[in-house]
Amino acid sequence: MKASKFRDMAKEDLIREESELRRQLLRIRFQAAAGQTEGAAKMKDIRRDIARIKTVLTEMERQGLR
């Protein structure tokens, strides 16, 4: 997802989305360990989305929009 879409979301929604992405990443890591992976590209996309969310949350905190 693009960072601009994350910027349109509320802080609570971003936190929920990050939590869900972390669960997905954990599930994909277990699948990879078992040899049933969805692909490395999916893991890469999820990690990048998590980083984007964290960046947007940091921007919000710096702007005082806690």
N, C-alpha and C. Protein backbone atom coordinates (compact mmCIF):
# COMPACT_ATOMS: atom_id res chain seq x y z
N MET A 1 0.84 -1.17 0.00
CA MET A 1 0.00 0.00 0.00
C MET A 1 0.89 1.24 0.00
N LYS A 2 0.42 2.28 -0.60
CA LYS A 2 1.18 3.52 -0.66
C LYS A 2 1.14 4.25 0.68
N ALA A 3 2.18 5.00 0.97
CA ALA A 3 2.25 5.75 2.22
C ALA A 3 1.13 6.79 2.29
N SER A 4 0.72 7.33 1.15
CA SER A 4 -0.34 8.34 1.15
C SER A 4 -1.66 7.75 1.68
N LYS A 5 -1.92 6.49 1.41
CA LYS A 5 -3.14 5.86 1.94
C LYS A 5 -3.03 5.68 3.45
N PHE A 6 -1.82 5.37 3.93
CA PHE A 6 -1.63 5.25 5.37
C PHE A 6 -1.79 6.60 6.05
N ARG A 7 -1.38 7.67 5.39
CA ARG A 7 -1.51 9.01 5.98
C ARG A 7 -2.96 9.43 6.13
N ASP A 8 -3.85 8.85 5.34
CA ASP A 8 -5.27 9.18 5.43
C ASP A 8 -5.97 8.43 6.56
N MET A 9 -5.30 7.46 7.14
CA MET A 9 -5.90 6.63 8.19
C MET A 9 -5.69 7.26 9.56
N ALA A 10 -6.58 6.91 10.50
CA ALA A 10 -6.45 7.36 11.88
C ALA A 10 -5.35 6.55 12.57
N LYS A 11 -4.84 7.09 13.67
CA LYS A 11 -3.74 6.44 14.38
C LYS A 11 -4.14 5.04 14.86
N GLU A 12 -5.36 4.91 15.39
CA GLU A 12 -5.81 3.62 15.88
C GLU A 12 -5.89 2.60 14.75
N ASP A 13 -6.34 3.05 13.57
CA ASP A 13 -6.41 2.16 12.42
C ASP A 13 -5.02 1.73 11.97
N LEU A 14 -4.07 2.64 12.04
CA LEU A 14 -2.70 2.30 11.66
C LEU A 14 -2.11 1.26 12.59
N ILE A 15 -2.38 1.42 13.87
CA ILE A 15 -1.86 0.47 14.86
C ILE A 15 -2.48 -0.91 14.62
N ARG A 16 -3.79 -0.95 14.34
CA ARG A 16 -4.45 -2.22 14.05
C ARG A 16 -3.89 -2.86 12.79
N GLU A 17 -3.67 -2.04 11.77
CA GLU A 17 -3.14 -2.54 10.50
C GLU A 17 -1.73 -3.11 10.69
N GLU A 18 -0.91 -2.41 11.47
CA GLU A 18 0.44 -2.90 11.75
C GLU A 18 0.40 -4.25 12.47
N SER A 19 -0.50 -4.36 13.42
CA SER A 19 -0.63 -5.62 14.16
C SER A 19 -1.03 -6.76 13.23
N GLU A 20 -1.98 -6.49 12.34
CA GLU A 20 -2.42 -7.51 11.40
C GLU A 20 -1.30 -7.90 10.44
N LEU A 21 -0.54 -6.93 9.97
CA LEU A 21 0.57 -7.23 9.07
C LEU A 21 1.65 -8.05 9.77
N ARG A 22 1.89 -7.76 11.04
CA ARG A 22 2.87 -8.55 11.79
C ARG A 22 2.42 -10.00 11.94
N ARG A 23 1.10 -10.20 12.15
CA ARG A 23 0.58 -11.57 12.22
C ARG A 23 0.75 -12.29 10.90
N GLN A 24 0.47 -11.60 9.80
CA GLN A 24 0.63 -12.19 8.47
C GLN A 24 2.09 -12.57 8.22
N LEU A 25 3.00 -11.68 8.61
CA LEU A 25 4.42 -11.93 8.42
C LEU A 25 4.86 -13.16 9.21
N LEU A 26 4.40 -13.26 10.43
CA LEU A 26 4.74 -14.42 11.27
C LEU A 26 4.23 -15.72 10.63
N ARG A 27 2.98 -15.67 10.13
CA ARG A 27 2.40 -16.85 9.49
C ARG A 27 3.21 -17.25 8.25
N ILE A 28 3.62 -16.27 7.46
CA ILE A 28 4.40 -16.56 6.25
C ILE A 28 5.78 -17.10 6.62
N ARG A 29 6.37 -16.59 7.70
CA ARG A 29 7.67 -17.11 8.14
C ARG A 29 7.57 -18.57 8.55
N PHE A 30 6.49 -18.93 9.25
CA PHE A 30 6.29 -20.33 9.63
C PHE A 30 6.10 -21.19 8.40
N GLN A 31 5.36 -20.69 7.42
CA GLN A 31 5.15 -21.45 6.20
C GLN A 31 6.47 -21.64 5.46
N ALA A 32 7.30 -20.61 5.45
CA ALA A 32 8.59 -20.72 4.78
C ALA A 32 9.47 -21.76 5.46
N ALA A 33 9.42 -21.80 6.79
CA ALA A 33 10.21 -22.77 7.53
C ALA A 33 9.73 -24.19 7.27
N ALA A 34 8.44 -24.32 6.99
CA ALA A 34 7.87 -25.64 6.71
C ALA A 34 7.95 -26.00 5.23
N GLY A 35 8.46 -25.08 4.43
CA GLY A 35 8.60 -25.34 3.01
C GLY A 35 7.35 -25.06 2.21
N GLN A 36 6.38 -24.36 2.78
CA GLN A 36 5.13 -24.05 2.10
C GLN A 36 4.95 -22.54 1.94
N THR A 37 5.95 -21.87 1.49
CA THR A 37 5.94 -20.41 1.48
C THR A 37 5.07 -19.83 0.38
N GLU A 38 4.50 -18.66 0.65
CA GLU A 38 3.75 -17.92 -0.36
C GLU A 38 4.70 -17.15 -1.27
N GLY A 39 5.94 -17.06 -0.87
CA GLY A 39 6.94 -16.38 -1.67
C GLY A 39 7.64 -15.29 -0.89
N ALA A 40 8.88 -15.09 -1.27
CA ALA A 40 9.69 -14.07 -0.61
C ALA A 40 9.18 -12.67 -0.93
N ALA A 41 8.57 -12.50 -2.07
CA ALA A 41 8.07 -11.19 -2.47
C ALA A 41 6.98 -10.71 -1.52
N LYS A 42 6.13 -11.64 -1.08
CA LYS A 42 5.06 -11.29 -0.15
C LYS A 42 5.63 -10.83 1.18
N MET A 43 6.66 -11.52 1.65
CA MET A 43 7.31 -11.13 2.91
C MET A 43 7.91 -9.74 2.78
N LYS A 44 8.54 -9.49 1.66
CA LYS A 44 9.17 -8.19 1.41
C LYS A 44 8.12 -7.08 1.41
N ASP A 45 6.99 -7.32 0.75
CA ASP A 45 5.92 -6.32 0.70
C ASP A 45 5.36 -6.02 2.08
N ILE A 46 5.17 -7.06 2.88
CA ILE A 46 4.63 -6.87 4.22
C ILE A 46 5.61 -6.09 5.09
N ARG A 47 6.89 -6.44 5.02
CA ARG A 47 7.89 -5.71 5.81
C ARG A 47 7.92 -4.23 5.42
N ARG A 48 7.80 -3.95 4.15
CA ARG A 48 7.80 -2.56 3.69
C ARG A 48 6.56 -1.81 4.15
N ASP A 49 5.40 -2.49 4.14
CA ASP A 49 4.18 -1.85 4.62
C ASP A 49 4.29 -1.53 6.11
N ILE A 50 4.88 -2.44 6.88
CA ILE A 50 5.07 -2.19 8.30
C ILE A 50 5.98 -0.97 8.50
N ALA A 51 7.03 -0.89 7.72
CA ALA A 51 7.94 0.25 7.82
C ALA A 51 7.23 1.55 7.45
N ARG A 52 6.38 1.50 6.43
CA ARG A 52 5.63 2.70 6.04
C ARG A 52 4.70 3.15 7.15
N ILE A 53 4.03 2.19 7.78
CA ILE A 53 3.13 2.54 8.88
C ILE A 53 3.90 3.17 10.02
N LYS A 54 5.04 2.58 10.37
CA LYS A 54 5.84 3.14 11.46
C LYS A 54 6.32 4.55 11.12
N THR A 55 6.65 4.79 9.86
CA THR A 55 7.08 6.12 9.43
C THR A 55 5.94 7.12 9.58
N VAL A 56 4.76 6.74 9.15
CA VAL A 56 3.60 7.64 9.25
C VAL A 56 3.27 7.91 10.71
N LEU A 57 3.33 6.89 11.56
CA LEU A 57 3.07 7.09 12.99
C LEU A 57 4.08 8.05 13.61
N THR A 58 5.34 7.93 13.21
CA THR A 58 6.37 8.84 13.71
C THR A 58 6.11 10.26 13.23
N GLU A 59 5.71 10.41 11.98
CA GLU A 59 5.37 11.74 11.46
C GLU A 59 4.23 12.36 12.25
N MET A 60 3.22 11.55 12.57
CA MET A 60 2.08 12.05 13.34
C MET A 60 2.50 12.52 14.72
N GLU A 61 3.38 11.74 15.36
CA GLU A 61 3.84 12.12 16.70
C GLU A 61 4.63 13.41 16.66
N ARG A 62 5.45 13.57 15.63
CA ARG A 62 6.25 14.79 15.53
C ARG A 62 5.40 16.03 15.25
N GLN A 63 4.26 15.83 14.60
CA GLN A 63 3.38 16.94 14.30
C GLN A 63 2.44 17.21 15.45
N GLY A 64 2.45 16.36 16.45
CA GLY A 64 1.60 16.54 17.62
C GLY A 64 0.20 16.03 17.43
N LEU A 65 -0.01 15.09 16.53
CA LEU A 65 -1.34 14.54 16.27
C LEU A 65 -1.58 13.25 17.01
N ARG A 66 -0.94 13.07 18.11
CA ARG A 66 -1.04 11.83 18.89
C ARG A 66 -2.45 11.46 19.00
